[in-house]
Amino acid sequence: MPCGEDGNHPISLIRNGRPAITRSAVLETVPIRLPVIDINAIGAGGGSIAWIDEGGALRVGPMSAEAIPGPACYGRGGTLPTVTDANIVLGRFDSQTRLGGDMLMDLQAAETAIRVHLAEPMGLSIAEAAAGVLRVAHANIVRGIRVVSVERGYDPRSFALVPFGGAGPMHCAPVARELRMKTILVPPTPGILCALGQLVSDLRHEVNETFIAAHADLAEDTVIARLEELRARGNALLAADSVPEPRRSIELRADVRYRGQSYELSIILEGDLRAAWHTLPEKFHEAHRQRFGHADPQAPIEIVGFGATAVGHIDAPALPVLPAGGEQCGPEAIRGERTIYFEGAQPGEAGAFHTATVYHREHLCAGNVIVGPAVIEEVSATTVLYPDDRAVVHPSGNIIVEVAL
């Protein structure tokens, strides 16, 4: 279940190696009736501004300080407190760390922003106000994950949390705890994971056709002919991209709903098309039960349209493999220690400052084991391990964290 950070948190669910797809997306209040990855974006990223509403409650986002002027600690003219400012105040960032290897953060500016706009109005210390910012941000992320999991009929405890973006790995541990997720997978270079994905992704075309009719009224030959036509169109698009036939795959689907509904579910038509067409009602009822918690096998179903996803498989580049090492990290991997604030493990439990070991991620080897409290720093991101979390470095470079629930 990927959860990222870049001014806001884009959240999606991946099941059986496939991201969830929706055809009912909204972009800037404009409805989009095209197949897109089902992403729930919330305003809880590093640049999200913390503020006090009219009722005196602490809020985070959706307003963002953006890159310019950015958080107060960036020293570019920003004066409002953000999630990043809270992180540096609580020691999660070292005030001497240069973001991206270049920009030195201003701890005093971050403290001033939180004191003036949050701590003093609420009668709290700077640390308490900063901790409150993180609690609210984490609660927002948890709600966002529940939208794409619990509200879609999936239990987040069955998934691993994959944080990405510059600060996604910094916030993943408390989010996983709240959702009772046992495993976190921090990918290599999480701050540029989106760019890497763009480079290694296969070519993809979506071909769609609106066709509204009752399932029971459609002749099998008519359906097969339309699906084969969509398959041919997908093949033609891949041929135009110079994708050889052995590297092509075409996935066919039907968009289905109960008669009278204003929304539909996409059902993949696998294997023999005639057999898939006959079992379509059964698969739709099960998908509807999974998504909405109920189904009516006696109700008539309606076809809304057909579609094809044409994929051209590329030669993905070989990713680096880490050298093997023992469980003990080498001395070059240890940067030092830092005092960091961690929230309480249970709701309502007071947080406290702990001494955490700080590691250089680029010097970690496969097999190294790190037990929290700890911080793993790299150019593009910072990973925070809470007390008793246990992380193992995989040969692929992924850091696999066992969350101490």
Protein backbone atom coordinates (compact mmCIF):
# COMPACT_ATOMS: atom_id res chain seq x y z
CA MET A 1 0.00 0.00 0.00
CA PRO A 2 2.01 3.03 -1.19
CA CYS A 3 1.80 6.23 0.79
CA GLY A 4 3.96 9.16 -0.28
CA GLU A 5 4.80 12.72 0.57
CA ASP A 6 5.33 15.80 -1.57
CA GLY A 7 3.21 18.68 -0.29
CA ASN A 8 0.42 16.13 0.00
CA HIS A 9 0.15 12.39 0.44
CA PRO A 10 -0.96 10.35 -2.57
CA ILE A 11 -2.24 7.00 -1.31
CA SER A 12 -3.18 3.91 -3.31
CA LEU A 13 -3.68 0.20 -2.76
CA ILE A 14 -1.85 -2.54 -4.67
CA ARG A 15 -3.30 -6.03 -4.49
CA ASN A 16 -1.82 -9.11 -6.20
CA GLY A 17 0.74 -6.88 -7.84
CA ARG A 18 -1.87 -4.60 -9.42
CA PRO A 19 -2.89 -1.07 -8.42
CA ALA A 20 -6.58 -0.44 -7.90
CA ILE A 21 -8.20 1.26 -10.91
CA THR A 22 -11.16 3.62 -10.82
CA ARG A 23 -13.26 5.21 -13.55
CA SER A 24 -14.86 7.76 -11.26
CA ALA A 25 -11.98 10.10 -10.42
CA VAL A 26 -12.24 13.81 -9.66
CA LEU A 27 -9.58 16.34 -10.68
CA GLU A 28 -10.00 19.87 -9.29
CA THR A 29 -13.76 19.22 -8.83
CA VAL A 30 -14.04 18.00 -12.45
CA PRO A 31 -15.29 14.39 -12.77
CA ILE A 32 -13.04 12.16 -14.89
CA ARG A 33 -14.70 9.14 -16.49
CA LEU A 34 -11.50 7.48 -17.65
CA PRO A 35 -9.54 4.58 -16.15
CA VAL A 36 -6.97 5.94 -13.71
CA ILE A 37 -5.16 4.54 -10.69
CA ASP A 38 -7.36 4.91 -7.61
CA ILE A 39 -5.37 7.50 -5.66
CA ASN A 40 -6.55 9.36 -2.59
CA ALA A 41 -4.46 12.51 -2.12
CA ILE A 42 -4.62 14.31 1.21
CA GLY A 43 -3.00 17.54 2.38
CA ALA A 44 -0.60 16.17 4.99
CA GLY A 45 2.81 16.46 3.37
CA GLY A 46 5.95 18.14 4.61
CA GLY A 47 4.86 21.53 3.29
CA SER A 48 1.33 21.34 4.74
CA ILE A 49 0.62 24.32 6.97
CA ALA A 50 -0.47 23.79 10.59
CA TRP A 51 -3.12 26.22 11.85
CA ILE A 52 -5.75 26.75 14.53
CA ASP A 53 -9.39 26.84 13.42
CA GLU A 54 -12.15 29.05 14.83
CA GLY A 55 -13.00 26.47 17.45
CA GLY A 56 -9.43 26.35 18.72
CA ALA A 57 -8.62 22.94 17.19
CA LEU A 58 -5.26 22.24 15.60
CA ARG A 59 -5.44 21.47 11.88
CA VAL A 60 -2.87 20.44 9.28
CA GLY A 61 -3.41 21.27 5.60
CA PRO A 62 -4.78 21.34 3.04
CA MET A 63 -2.97 24.66 2.53
CA SER A 64 0.69 24.22 1.60
CA ALA A 65 3.74 26.44 1.93
CA GLU A 66 4.86 24.91 -1.39
CA ALA A 67 8.52 24.88 -2.42
CA ILE A 68 8.76 28.68 -2.44
CA PRO A 69 8.69 30.21 0.12
CA GLY A 70 8.39 26.76 1.71
CA PRO A 71 8.47 25.84 5.41
CA ALA A 72 9.90 28.41 7.79
CA CYS A 73 13.03 26.27 8.29
CA TYR A 74 13.90 26.59 4.59
CA GLY A 75 14.90 30.21 5.16
CA ARG A 76 13.20 31.37 1.95
CA GLY A 77 10.72 33.76 3.51
CA GLY A 78 8.15 31.33 4.85
CA THR A 79 6.81 32.20 8.31
CA LEU A 80 3.96 29.72 8.83
CA PRO A 81 4.55 26.43 10.66
CA THR A 82 4.50 23.24 8.62
CA VAL A 83 4.96 19.52 9.17
CA THR A 84 8.63 19.88 8.19
CA ASP A 85 9.10 22.58 10.82
CA ALA A 86 7.60 20.27 13.44
CA ASN A 87 9.97 17.50 12.39
CA ILE A 88 13.09 19.63 12.76
CA VAL A 89 11.93 21.00 16.12
CA LEU A 90 11.47 17.44 17.39
CA GLY A 91 14.92 16.35 16.21
CA ARG A 92 13.83 14.12 13.35
CA PHE A 93 15.88 16.30 11.05
CA ASP A 94 19.34 17.35 12.15
CA SER A 95 19.55 21.13 11.95
CA GLN A 96 23.00 20.63 10.40
CA THR A 97 21.68 18.30 7.70
CA ARG A 98 21.67 19.82 4.24
CA LEU A 99 18.55 18.86 2.33
CA GLY A 100 19.51 17.41 -1.02
CA GLY A 101 23.10 17.87 0.10
CA ASP A 102 22.85 21.65 -0.31
CA MET A 103 20.24 23.51 1.78
CA LEU A 104 20.93 24.02 5.50
CA MET A 105 17.73 24.20 7.57
CA ASP A 106 17.02 26.97 10.09
CA LEU A 107 15.98 25.45 13.44
CA GLN A 108 15.40 28.83 15.06
CA ALA A 109 13.00 29.93 12.32
CA ALA A 110 11.02 26.69 12.71
CA GLU A 111 10.80 27.16 16.49
CA THR A 112 9.65 30.75 16.06
CA ALA A 113 6.92 29.79 13.59
CA ILE A 114 5.55 27.08 15.87
CA ARG A 115 5.81 29.24 19.00
CA VAL A 116 4.07 32.28 17.52
CA HIS A 117 1.32 30.55 15.55
CA LEU A 118 0.64 27.42 17.62
CA ALA A 119 2.33 27.05 21.01
CA GLU A 120 1.52 30.44 22.53
CA PRO A 121 -2.14 30.58 21.30
CA MET A 122 -2.76 27.07 22.67
CA GLY A 123 -0.78 27.47 25.89
CA LEU A 124 1.67 24.69 25.01
CA SER A 125 5.42 24.31 24.90
CA ILE A 126 7.06 24.37 21.47
CA ALA A 127 7.72 20.62 21.66
CA GLU A 128 4.11 19.87 22.64
CA ALA A 129 2.77 21.99 19.80
CA ALA A 130 5.13 20.36 17.28
CA ALA A 131 4.12 16.91 18.52
CA GLY A 132 0.49 17.89 18.09
CA VAL A 133 1.18 18.83 14.47
CA LEU A 134 2.57 15.37 13.80
CA ARG A 135 -0.33 13.63 15.56
CA VAL A 136 -2.84 15.51 13.41
CA ALA A 137 -0.84 14.84 10.24
CA HIS A 138 -0.62 11.14 11.05
CA ALA A 139 -4.36 10.99 11.78
CA ASN A 140 -5.03 12.56 8.37
CA ILE A 141 -2.83 9.96 6.67
CA VAL A 142 -4.54 7.12 8.54
CA ARG A 143 -7.94 8.36 7.40
CA GLY A 144 -6.66 8.59 3.84
CA ILE A 145 -5.41 5.00 3.91
CA ARG A 146 -8.74 3.79 5.28
CA VAL A 147 -10.49 5.38 2.30
CA VAL A 148 -8.62 3.14 -0.17
CA SER A 149 -8.63 0.06 2.06
CA VAL A 150 -11.39 -0.31 4.65
CA GLU A 151 -13.93 1.60 2.56
CA ARG A 152 -13.06 -0.63 -0.41
CA GLY A 153 -13.51 -3.81 1.63
CA TYR A 154 -9.83 -4.49 2.37
CA ASP A 155 -8.17 -4.90 5.77
CA PRO A 156 -4.99 -2.80 5.91
CA ARG A 157 -3.50 -5.32 8.36
CA SER A 158 -3.17 -7.69 5.39
CA PHE A 159 -0.90 -5.29 3.52
CA ALA A 160 2.58 -3.82 3.85
CA LEU A 161 2.97 -0.04 3.97
CA VAL A 162 5.31 1.36 1.29
CA PRO A 163 6.23 4.98 2.08
CA PHE A 164 7.88 7.18 -0.52
CA GLY A 165 8.67 10.83 -1.14
CA GLY A 166 11.05 12.99 0.83
CA ALA A 167 9.35 12.50 4.20
CA GLY A 168 7.04 9.53 3.67
CA PRO A 169 9.47 7.16 5.48
CA MET A 170 9.65 9.65 8.35
CA HIS A 171 5.95 9.25 9.15
CA CYS A 172 5.32 5.62 8.27
CA ALA A 173 5.93 3.97 11.65
CA PRO A 174 3.18 5.74 13.68
CA VAL A 175 0.77 5.37 10.76
CA ALA A 176 1.45 1.64 10.56
CA ARG A 177 0.96 1.33 14.32
CA GLU A 178 -2.40 3.06 14.19
CA LEU A 179 -3.57 0.76 11.40
CA ARG A 180 -2.02 -2.33 13.05
CA MET A 181 0.08 -2.98 9.94
CA LYS A 182 2.99 -5.26 10.79
CA THR A 183 5.32 -4.55 7.88
CA ILE A 184 6.81 -1.44 6.28
CA LEU A 185 8.88 -1.60 3.10
CA VAL A 186 11.04 1.47 2.51
CA PRO A 187 12.29 1.39 -1.12
CA PRO A 188 15.73 2.60 -2.20
CA THR A 189 15.89 6.36 -2.90
CA PRO A 190 12.24 6.91 -1.86
CA GLY A 191 12.47 10.63 -2.64
CA ILE A 192 12.79 9.87 -6.37
CA LEU A 193 10.67 6.73 -6.51
CA CYS A 194 8.11 8.37 -8.81
CA ALA A 195 10.82 9.33 -11.30
CA LEU A 196 12.24 5.81 -11.20
CA GLY A 197 8.78 4.37 -11.79
CA GLN A 198 8.38 6.55 -14.85
CA LEU A 199 11.61 5.16 -16.30
CA VAL A 200 10.88 1.47 -15.69
CA SER A 201 7.15 1.40 -16.43
CA ASP A 202 5.80 -0.52 -19.41
CA LEU A 203 4.02 1.21 -22.28
CA ARG A 204 0.28 1.26 -21.69
CA HIS A 205 -2.79 2.17 -23.74
CA GLU A 206 -6.42 2.20 -22.60
CA VAL A 207 -9.14 1.55 -25.17
CA ASN A 208 -12.73 2.05 -24.02
CA GLU A 209 -16.15 1.75 -25.61
CA THR A 210 -19.48 2.75 -24.10
CA PHE A 211 -22.11 0.09 -24.62
CA ILE A 212 -25.19 0.10 -22.37
CA ALA A 213 -27.36 -2.99 -22.40
CA ALA A 214 -28.74 -5.63 -20.05
CA HIS A 215 -26.38 -8.59 -19.72
CA ALA A 216 -29.25 -11.01 -20.35
CA ASP A 217 -30.19 -9.27 -23.61
CA LEU A 218 -26.74 -9.41 -25.21
CA ALA A 219 -25.93 -12.13 -27.69
CA GLU A 220 -22.68 -13.92 -26.99
CA ASP A 221 -21.39 -13.48 -30.55
CA THR A 222 -22.03 -9.72 -30.38
CA VAL A 223 -20.01 -9.42 -27.19
CA ILE A 224 -17.13 -11.53 -28.51
CA ALA A 225 -16.97 -9.47 -31.70
CA ARG A 226 -16.74 -6.19 -29.77
CA LEU A 227 -14.08 -7.53 -27.42
CA GLU A 228 -11.99 -8.84 -30.32
CA GLU A 229 -12.28 -5.45 -32.00
CA LEU A 230 -10.95 -3.79 -28.84
CA ARG A 231 -8.12 -6.31 -28.73
CA ALA A 232 -7.24 -5.47 -32.34
CA ARG A 233 -7.24 -1.73 -31.59
CA GLY A 234 -4.92 -2.30 -28.62
CA ASN A 235 -2.56 -4.36 -30.77
CA ALA A 236 -2.53 -1.65 -33.41
CA LEU A 237 -1.52 0.97 -30.85
CA LEU A 238 1.33 -1.20 -29.61
CA ALA A 239 2.42 -1.93 -33.17
CA ALA A 240 2.58 1.82 -33.79
CA ASP A 241 4.92 2.00 -30.78
CA SER A 242 7.13 -0.67 -32.43
CA VAL A 243 6.42 -3.19 -29.68
CA PRO A 244 7.06 -6.74 -31.01
CA GLU A 245 4.21 -9.21 -30.57
CA PRO A 246 5.96 -11.36 -27.94
CA ARG A 247 6.16 -8.28 -25.71
CA ARG A 248 2.47 -7.38 -25.95
CA SER A 249 -0.35 -8.29 -23.58
CA ILE A 250 -4.00 -7.31 -23.89
CA GLU A 251 -6.39 -7.39 -20.94
CA LEU A 252 -10.12 -7.22 -21.71
CA ARG A 253 -12.82 -6.13 -19.29
CA ALA A 254 -16.49 -5.25 -18.93
CA ASP A 255 -17.86 -2.38 -16.87
CA VAL A 256 -20.88 -3.70 -14.97
CA ARG A 257 -23.53 -2.42 -12.56
CA TYR A 258 -26.89 -3.35 -11.15
CA ARG A 259 -29.67 -1.85 -13.20
CA GLY A 260 -30.47 1.61 -11.84
CA GLN A 261 -27.06 2.25 -10.29
CA SER A 262 -25.03 5.30 -11.29
CA TYR A 263 -21.64 3.66 -10.78
CA GLU A 264 -20.05 0.49 -12.09
CA LEU A 265 -17.30 -2.03 -11.38
CA SER A 266 -14.77 -3.29 -13.90
CA ILE A 267 -14.60 -7.07 -14.23
CA ILE A 268 -11.59 -8.61 -15.97
CA LEU A 269 -12.45 -11.16 -18.66
CA GLU A 270 -9.72 -13.79 -18.43
CA GLY A 271 -9.03 -16.91 -20.47
CA ASP A 272 -11.66 -18.11 -22.91
CA LEU A 273 -13.93 -15.14 -23.65
CA ARG A 274 -17.11 -17.20 -24.01
CA ALA A 275 -16.59 -18.87 -20.65
CA ALA A 276 -15.66 -15.52 -19.07
CA TRP A 277 -18.85 -13.95 -20.42
CA HIS A 278 -21.01 -16.66 -18.85
CA THR A 279 -19.32 -16.35 -15.45
CA LEU A 280 -19.40 -12.54 -15.52
CA PRO A 281 -22.54 -12.18 -13.30
CA GLU A 282 -21.04 -14.37 -10.59
CA LYS A 283 -17.78 -12.42 -10.61
CA PHE A 284 -19.64 -9.11 -10.51
CA HIS A 285 -21.75 -10.12 -7.50
CA GLU A 286 -18.61 -11.18 -5.64
CA ALA A 287 -16.78 -7.95 -6.57
CA HIS A 288 -19.78 -5.90 -5.44
CA ARG A 289 -19.87 -7.75 -2.13
CA GLN A 290 -16.14 -7.18 -1.66
CA ARG A 291 -16.37 -3.48 -2.45
CA PHE A 292 -19.67 -2.49 -0.82
CA GLY A 293 -20.38 -5.27 1.67
CA HIS A 294 -23.49 -6.61 -0.05
CA ALA A 295 -24.70 -8.13 -3.30
CA ASP A 296 -28.02 -9.19 -4.87
CA PRO A 297 -27.54 -12.22 -7.13
CA GLN A 298 -31.22 -12.05 -8.12
CA ALA A 299 -31.04 -8.47 -9.40
CA PRO A 300 -30.50 -7.89 -13.14
CA ILE A 301 -27.09 -6.56 -14.12
CA GLU A 302 -26.29 -4.10 -16.85
CA ILE A 303 -23.25 -3.65 -19.06
CA VAL A 304 -22.04 -0.05 -19.26
CA GLY A 305 -19.09 -0.56 -21.56
CA PHE A 306 -16.15 -2.67 -22.62
CA GLY A 307 -12.47 -1.90 -22.48
CA ALA A 308 -8.99 -3.17 -23.22
CA THR A 309 -5.65 -2.42 -21.59
CA ALA A 310 -2.79 -2.89 -24.03
CA VAL A 311 0.64 -3.23 -22.44
CA GLY A 312 4.01 -3.18 -24.19
CA HIS A 313 6.60 -4.75 -21.90
CA ILE A 314 9.97 -3.02 -21.92
CA ASP A 315 13.41 -4.19 -20.85
CA ALA A 316 13.59 -2.90 -17.32
CA PRO A 317 17.06 -1.82 -16.25
CA ALA A 318 18.91 -4.02 -13.79
CA LEU A 319 18.82 -2.43 -10.35
CA PRO A 320 21.88 -2.53 -8.09
CA VAL A 321 22.32 -5.31 -5.52
CA LEU A 322 23.82 -4.44 -2.15
CA PRO A 323 26.96 -6.22 -0.95
CA ALA A 324 26.37 -8.74 1.81
CA GLY A 325 27.12 -7.86 5.40
CA GLY A 326 26.42 -9.21 8.84
CA GLU A 327 23.64 -8.17 11.18
CA GLN A 328 25.95 -5.59 12.72
CA CYS A 329 26.27 -2.40 10.68
CA GLY A 330 29.78 -1.31 9.77
CA PRO A 331 31.25 1.72 11.57
CA GLU A 332 31.06 3.80 8.37
CA ALA A 333 27.27 3.39 8.41
CA ILE A 334 26.85 4.99 11.83
CA ARG A 335 26.73 8.76 11.79
CA GLY A 336 26.18 9.30 15.52
CA GLU A 337 23.30 9.85 17.91
CA ARG A 338 20.50 12.40 18.17
CA THR A 339 17.76 13.14 20.69
CA ILE A 340 14.38 12.70 19.02
CA TYR A 341 10.80 13.04 20.20
CA PHE A 342 8.53 10.03 19.70
CA GLU A 343 4.78 9.98 20.30
CA GLY A 344 3.36 7.49 22.77
CA ALA A 345 2.73 3.98 21.45
CA GLN A 346 -0.94 4.09 22.44
CA PRO A 347 -3.58 6.82 21.86
CA GLY A 348 -3.46 9.32 24.69
CA GLU A 349 -0.05 8.12 25.89
CA ALA A 350 2.43 10.94 26.42
CA GLY A 351 5.41 11.12 24.12
CA ALA A 352 9.03 11.49 25.15
CA PHE A 353 12.50 12.26 23.84
CA HIS A 354 14.78 9.27 23.18
CA THR A 355 18.39 8.96 22.12
CA ALA A 356 18.39 7.49 18.62
CA THR A 357 21.28 6.14 16.56
CA VAL A 358 21.65 7.84 13.17
CA TYR A 359 22.73 5.80 10.14
CA HIS A 360 23.98 6.60 6.62
CA ARG A 361 21.79 4.53 4.31
CA GLU A 362 24.36 4.49 1.49
CA HIS A 363 26.76 2.56 3.75
CA LEU A 364 24.28 -0.14 4.82
CA CYS A 365 24.82 -3.70 3.57
CA ALA A 366 22.43 -6.55 2.88
CA GLY A 367 21.61 -8.36 6.10
CA ASN A 368 22.26 -5.41 8.41
CA VAL A 369 19.75 -5.18 11.26
CA ILE A 370 18.73 -1.88 12.89
CA VAL A 371 16.56 -1.68 16.01
CA GLY A 372 14.75 1.55 16.89
CA PRO A 373 14.84 4.19 18.07
CA ALA A 374 16.91 5.05 15.02
CA VAL A 375 17.13 7.38 12.04
CA ILE A 376 18.33 6.32 8.58
CA GLU A 377 19.39 9.30 6.47
CA GLU A 378 20.01 9.60 2.75
CA VAL A 379 20.06 12.42 0.23
CA SER A 380 16.43 12.07 -0.87
CA ALA A 381 14.67 11.00 2.35
CA THR A 382 14.84 10.27 6.07
CA THR A 383 13.47 7.08 7.68
CA VAL A 384 12.52 7.12 11.36
CA LEU A 385 12.28 3.86 13.32
CA TYR A 386 10.28 4.05 16.53
CA PRO A 387 11.42 2.26 19.73
CA ASP A 388 11.56 -1.53 19.27
CA ASP A 389 10.91 -1.41 15.51
CA ARG A 390 13.26 -3.86 13.78
CA ALA A 391 14.59 -3.19 10.28
CA VAL A 392 16.46 -5.59 7.99
CA VAL A 393 18.29 -4.42 4.87
CA HIS A 394 17.35 -6.55 1.84
CA PRO A 395 19.86 -7.24 -0.98
CA SER A 396 17.59 -5.20 -3.30
CA GLY A 397 18.22 -2.14 -1.14
CA ASN A 398 14.73 -2.18 0.36
CA ILE A 399 14.55 -1.75 4.12
CA ILE A 400 11.96 -4.13 5.59
CA VAL A 401 10.64 -2.98 8.94
CA GLU A 402 8.87 -5.17 11.47
CA VAL A 403 6.64 -2.76 13.37
CA ALA A 404 6.56 -3.13 17.15
CA LEU A 405 2.80 -3.18 17.69
